[in-house]
Amino acid sequence: MAQRKEIGLEELHFDVQGWKSNLHHTEVELWFMDKLLHSNAFRPDTHNLFERLEEYKTKVKAISDNKTQLQDSIAIYENKLGGIMGQTLADNDANHLEKHHALREKIMEYRSRFKELKSELFNYTGSILK
């Protein structure tokens, strides 16, 4: 008979704390990106400067909105975890674990898109600074 692996809610809670920390760090970086895009730090003779900056402003706003949605989802999930702390989840508690993994996937996808945008934005703006 196969032994069932028990997963403690504390372990899931630890994941949540990491997610919250990571999103907080991206919040600070998004604030910086927004300030950079609204600054006068760029060479004005750059071809399509206004259009490119507006495009990046839109992308930063969209990813910032997505971050806020994830933070809300995490808060709701964390409250549910808090209501059942002290218990143990077995592997077959598929509903709760599926929710945890689905939220983890959304956060990983967000982090990937965020890193891609940050790299793209910094590569572009770094080349047109005054």
C-alpha atoms as a PDB file:
ATOM      1  CA  MET A   1       0.000   0.000   0.000  1.00  0.00           C
ATOM      2  CA  ALA A   2       1.436   3.367  -1.018  1.00  0.00           C
ATOM      3  CA  GLN A   3       2.002   5.841   1.755  1.00  0.00           C
ATOM      4  CA  ARG A   4       0.091   9.097   1.419  1.00  0.00           C
ATOM      5  CA  LYS A   5       2.155  12.266   1.522  1.00  0.00           C
ATOM      6  CA  GLU A   6       0.783  14.818   3.963  1.00  0.00           C
ATOM      7  CA  ILE A   7       1.113  18.479   3.073  1.00  0.00           C
ATOM      8  CA  GLY A   8       0.972  20.942   5.907  1.00  0.00           C
ATOM      9  CA  LEU A   9      -0.969  24.149   5.538  1.00  0.00           C
ATOM     10  CA  GLU A  10       2.065  25.914   6.978  1.00  0.00           C
ATOM     11  CA  GLU A  11       3.945  24.939   3.821  1.00  0.00           C
ATOM     12  CA  LEU A  12       1.197  26.452   1.666  1.00  0.00           C
ATOM     13  CA  HIS A  13       1.179  29.551   3.855  1.00  0.00           C
ATOM     14  CA  PHE A  14       4.949  29.848   3.352  1.00  0.00           C
ATOM     15  CA  ASP A  15       4.368  29.823  -0.428  1.00  0.00           C
ATOM     16  CA  VAL A  16       1.820  32.613  -0.032  1.00  0.00           C
ATOM     17  CA  GLN A  17       4.289  34.745   1.917  1.00  0.00           C
ATOM     18  CA  GLY A  18       6.826  34.332  -0.885  1.00  0.00           C
ATOM     19  CA  TRP A  19       4.253  35.317  -3.498  1.00  0.00           C
ATOM     20  CA  LYS A  20       3.324  38.433  -1.554  1.00  0.00           C
ATOM     21  CA  SER A  21       6.980  39.402  -1.184  1.00  0.00           C
ATOM     22  CA  ASN A  22       7.687  38.908  -4.887  1.00  0.00           C
ATOM     23  CA  LEU A  23       4.676  41.001  -5.885  1.00  0.00           C
ATOM     24  CA  HIS A  24       5.742  43.742  -3.489  1.00  0.00           C
ATOM     25  CA  HIS A  25       9.144  43.877  -5.168  1.00  0.00           C
ATOM     26  CA  THR A  26       7.546  44.160  -8.595  1.00  0.00           C
ATOM     27  CA  GLU A  27       5.332  46.953  -7.240  1.00  0.00           C
ATOM     28  CA  VAL A  28       8.429  49.008  -6.421  1.00  0.00           C
ATOM     29  CA  GLU A  29       9.929  48.310  -9.832  1.00  0.00           C
ATOM     30  CA  LEU A  30       6.675  49.208 -11.602  1.00  0.00           C
ATOM     31  CA  TRP A  31       6.618  52.508  -9.721  1.00  0.00           C
ATOM     32  CA  PHE A  32      10.161  53.206 -10.979  1.00  0.00           C
ATOM     33  CA  MET A  33       9.262  52.255 -14.557  1.00  0.00           C
ATOM     34  CA  ASP A  34       6.261  54.572 -14.481  1.00  0.00           C
ATOM     35  CA  LYS A  35       8.384  57.465 -13.166  1.00  0.00           C
ATOM     36  CA  LEU A  36      11.003  56.786 -15.822  1.00  0.00           C
ATOM     37  CA  LEU A  37       8.446  56.766 -18.631  1.00  0.00           C
ATOM     38  CA  HIS A  38       6.958  60.063 -17.432  1.00  0.00           C
ATOM     39  CA  SER A  39      10.356  61.762 -17.049  1.00  0.00           C
ATOM     40  CA  ASN A  40      12.187  64.058 -19.430  1.00  0.00           C
ATOM     41  CA  ALA A  41      15.288  61.886 -19.394  1.00  0.00           C
ATOM     42  CA  PHE A  42      15.170  60.902 -23.062  1.00  0.00           C
ATOM     43  CA  ARG A  43      16.754  62.396 -26.154  1.00  0.00           C
ATOM     44  CA  PRO A  44      13.921  64.340 -27.810  1.00  0.00           C
ATOM     45  CA  ASP A  45      15.227  63.621 -31.313  1.00  0.00           C
ATOM     46  CA  THR A  46      14.555  59.884 -30.933  1.00  0.00           C
ATOM     47  CA  HIS A  47      12.420  58.489 -33.760  1.00  0.00           C
ATOM     48  CA  ASN A  48       8.856  57.639 -32.579  1.00  0.00           C
ATOM     49  CA  LEU A  49       9.775  58.495 -28.988  1.00  0.00           C
ATOM     50  CA  PHE A  50       6.282  59.579 -27.929  1.00  0.00           C
ATOM     51  CA  GLU A  51       4.595  56.555 -29.484  1.00  0.00           C
ATOM     52  CA  ARG A  52       7.041  54.070 -27.957  1.00  0.00           C
ATOM     53  CA  LEU A  53       6.803  55.650 -24.515  1.00  0.00           C
ATOM     54  CA  GLU A  54       3.001  55.589 -24.691  1.00  0.00           C
ATOM     55  CA  GLU A  55       3.124  51.925 -25.682  1.00  0.00           C
ATOM     56  CA  TYR A  56       5.302  51.137 -22.667  1.00  0.00           C
ATOM     57  CA  LYS A  57       3.067  53.190 -20.369  1.00  0.00           C
ATOM     58  CA  THR A  58       0.119  51.067 -21.501  1.00  0.00           C
ATOM     59  CA  LYS A  59       2.053  47.844 -20.906  1.00  0.00           C
ATOM     60  CA  VAL A  60       3.202  48.971 -17.453  1.00  0.00           C
ATOM     61  CA  LYS A  61      -0.375  49.907 -16.538  1.00  0.00           C
ATOM     62  CA  ALA A  62      -1.686  46.517 -17.715  1.00  0.00           C
ATOM     63  CA  ILE A  63       0.891  44.545 -15.768  1.00  0.00           C
ATOM     64  CA  SER A  64       0.304  46.736 -12.725  1.00  0.00           C
ATOM     65  CA  ASP A  65      -3.432  46.021 -12.940  1.00  0.00           C
ATOM     66  CA  ASN A  66      -2.670  42.299 -13.218  1.00  0.00           C
ATOM     67  CA  LYS A  67      -0.461  42.555 -10.118  1.00  0.00           C
ATOM     68  CA  THR A  68      -3.322  44.140  -8.179  1.00  0.00           C
ATOM     69  CA  GLN A  69      -5.680  41.353  -9.250  1.00  0.00           C
ATOM     70  CA  LEU A  70      -3.158  38.740  -8.119  1.00  0.00           C
ATOM     71  CA  GLN A  71      -2.705  40.490  -4.779  1.00  0.00           C
ATOM     72  CA  ASP A  72      -6.477  40.407  -4.284  1.00  0.00           C
ATOM     73  CA  SER A  73      -6.592  36.696  -5.179  1.00  0.00           C
ATOM     74  CA  ILE A  74      -3.749  35.981  -2.765  1.00  0.00           C
ATOM     75  CA  ALA A  75      -5.512  37.854   0.054  1.00  0.00           C
ATOM     76  CA  ILE A  76      -8.683  35.827  -0.462  1.00  0.00           C
ATOM     77  CA  TYR A  77      -6.724  32.581  -0.636  1.00  0.00           C
ATOM     78  CA  GLU A  78      -4.675  33.486   2.433  1.00  0.00           C
ATOM     79  CA  ASN A  79      -7.863  34.153   4.414  1.00  0.00           C
ATOM     80  CA  LYS A  80      -9.164  30.704   3.464  1.00  0.00           C
ATOM     81  CA  LEU A  81      -5.876  29.161   4.561  1.00  0.00           C
ATOM     82  CA  GLY A  82      -6.064  31.016   7.858  1.00  0.00           C
ATOM     83  CA  GLY A  83      -9.473  29.524   8.507  1.00  0.00           C
ATOM     84  CA  ILE A  84      -8.144  25.985   8.353  1.00  0.00           C
ATOM     85  CA  MET A  85      -4.631  26.379   9.868  1.00  0.00           C
ATOM     86  CA  GLY A  86      -3.524  23.561  12.139  1.00  0.00           C
ATOM     87  CA  GLN A  87      -5.029  20.938   9.869  1.00  0.00           C
ATOM     88  CA  THR A  88      -3.248  18.795   7.276  1.00  0.00           C
ATOM     89  CA  LEU A  89      -4.022  18.331   3.620  1.00  0.00           C
ATOM     90  CA  ALA A  90      -3.593  14.934   2.041  1.00  0.00           C
ATOM     91  CA  ASP A  91      -2.617  14.535  -1.589  1.00  0.00           C
ATOM     92  CA  ASN A  92      -6.191  13.575  -2.403  1.00  0.00           C
ATOM     93  CA  ASP A  93      -7.566  16.931  -1.224  1.00  0.00           C
ATOM     94  CA  ALA A  94      -7.486  17.857  -4.892  1.00  0.00           C
ATOM     95  CA  ASN A  95      -9.766  20.878  -4.715  1.00  0.00           C
ATOM     96  CA  HIS A  96      -7.612  22.900  -2.328  1.00  0.00           C
ATOM     97  CA  LEU A  97      -4.320  21.827  -3.849  1.00  0.00           C
ATOM     98  CA  GLU A  98      -5.579  22.570  -7.360  1.00  0.00           C
ATOM     99  CA  LYS A  99      -6.468  26.104  -6.275  1.00  0.00           C
ATOM    100  CA  HIS A 100      -3.005  26.511  -4.765  1.00  0.00           C
ATOM    101  CA  HIS A 101      -1.262  25.258  -7.892  1.00  0.00           C
ATOM    102  CA  ALA A 102      -3.486  27.338 -10.178  1.00  0.00           C
ATOM    103  CA  LEU A 103      -2.661  30.496  -8.241  1.00  0.00           C
ATOM    104  CA  ARG A 104       1.037  29.566  -8.289  1.00  0.00           C
ATOM    105  CA  GLU A 105       0.867  29.177 -12.082  1.00  0.00           C
ATOM    106  CA  LYS A 106      -0.780  32.595 -12.480  1.00  0.00           C
ATOM    107  CA  ILE A 107       1.929  34.186 -10.369  1.00  0.00           C
ATOM    108  CA  MET A 108       4.714  32.443 -12.291  1.00  0.00           C
ATOM    109  CA  GLU A 109       3.155  33.588 -15.570  1.00  0.00           C
ATOM    110  CA  TYR A 110       2.905  37.145 -14.235  1.00  0.00           C
ATOM    111  CA  ARG A 111       6.542  37.121 -13.087  1.00  0.00           C
ATOM    112  CA  SER A 112       7.649  35.907 -16.508  1.00  0.00           C
ATOM    113  CA  ARG A 113       5.695  38.645 -18.321  1.00  0.00           C
ATOM    114  CA  PHE A 114       6.956  41.238 -15.837  1.00  0.00           C
ATOM    115  CA  LYS A 115      10.610  40.252 -16.337  1.00  0.00           C
ATOM    116  CA  GLU A 116      10.158  40.322 -20.108  1.00  0.00           C
ATOM    117  CA  LEU A 117       8.609  43.793 -20.012  1.00  0.00           C
ATOM    118  CA  LYS A 118      11.275  45.112 -17.638  1.00  0.00           C
ATOM    119  CA  SER A 119      14.069  43.837 -19.844  1.00  0.00           C
ATOM    120  CA  GLU A 120      12.467  45.234 -23.004  1.00  0.00           C
ATOM    121  CA  LEU A 121      11.756  48.601 -21.409  1.00  0.00           C
ATOM    122  CA  PHE A 122      15.207  49.021 -19.896  1.00  0.00           C
ATOM    123  CA  ASN A 123      16.935  47.966 -23.103  1.00  0.00           C
ATOM    124  CA  TYR A 124      14.958  50.552 -25.058  1.00  0.00           C
ATOM    125  CA  THR A 125      15.128  53.435 -22.597  1.00  0.00           C
ATOM    126  CA  GLY A 126      18.768  52.803 -21.748  1.00  0.00           C
ATOM    127  CA  SER A 127      19.712  53.481 -25.346  1.00  0.00           C
ATOM    128  CA  ILE A 128      17.879  56.842 -25.583  1.00  0.00           C
ATOM    129  CA  LEU A 129      18.775  58.544 -22.315  1.00  0.00           C
ATOM    130  CA  LYS A 130      20.054  62.109 -22.556  1.00  0.00           C
END
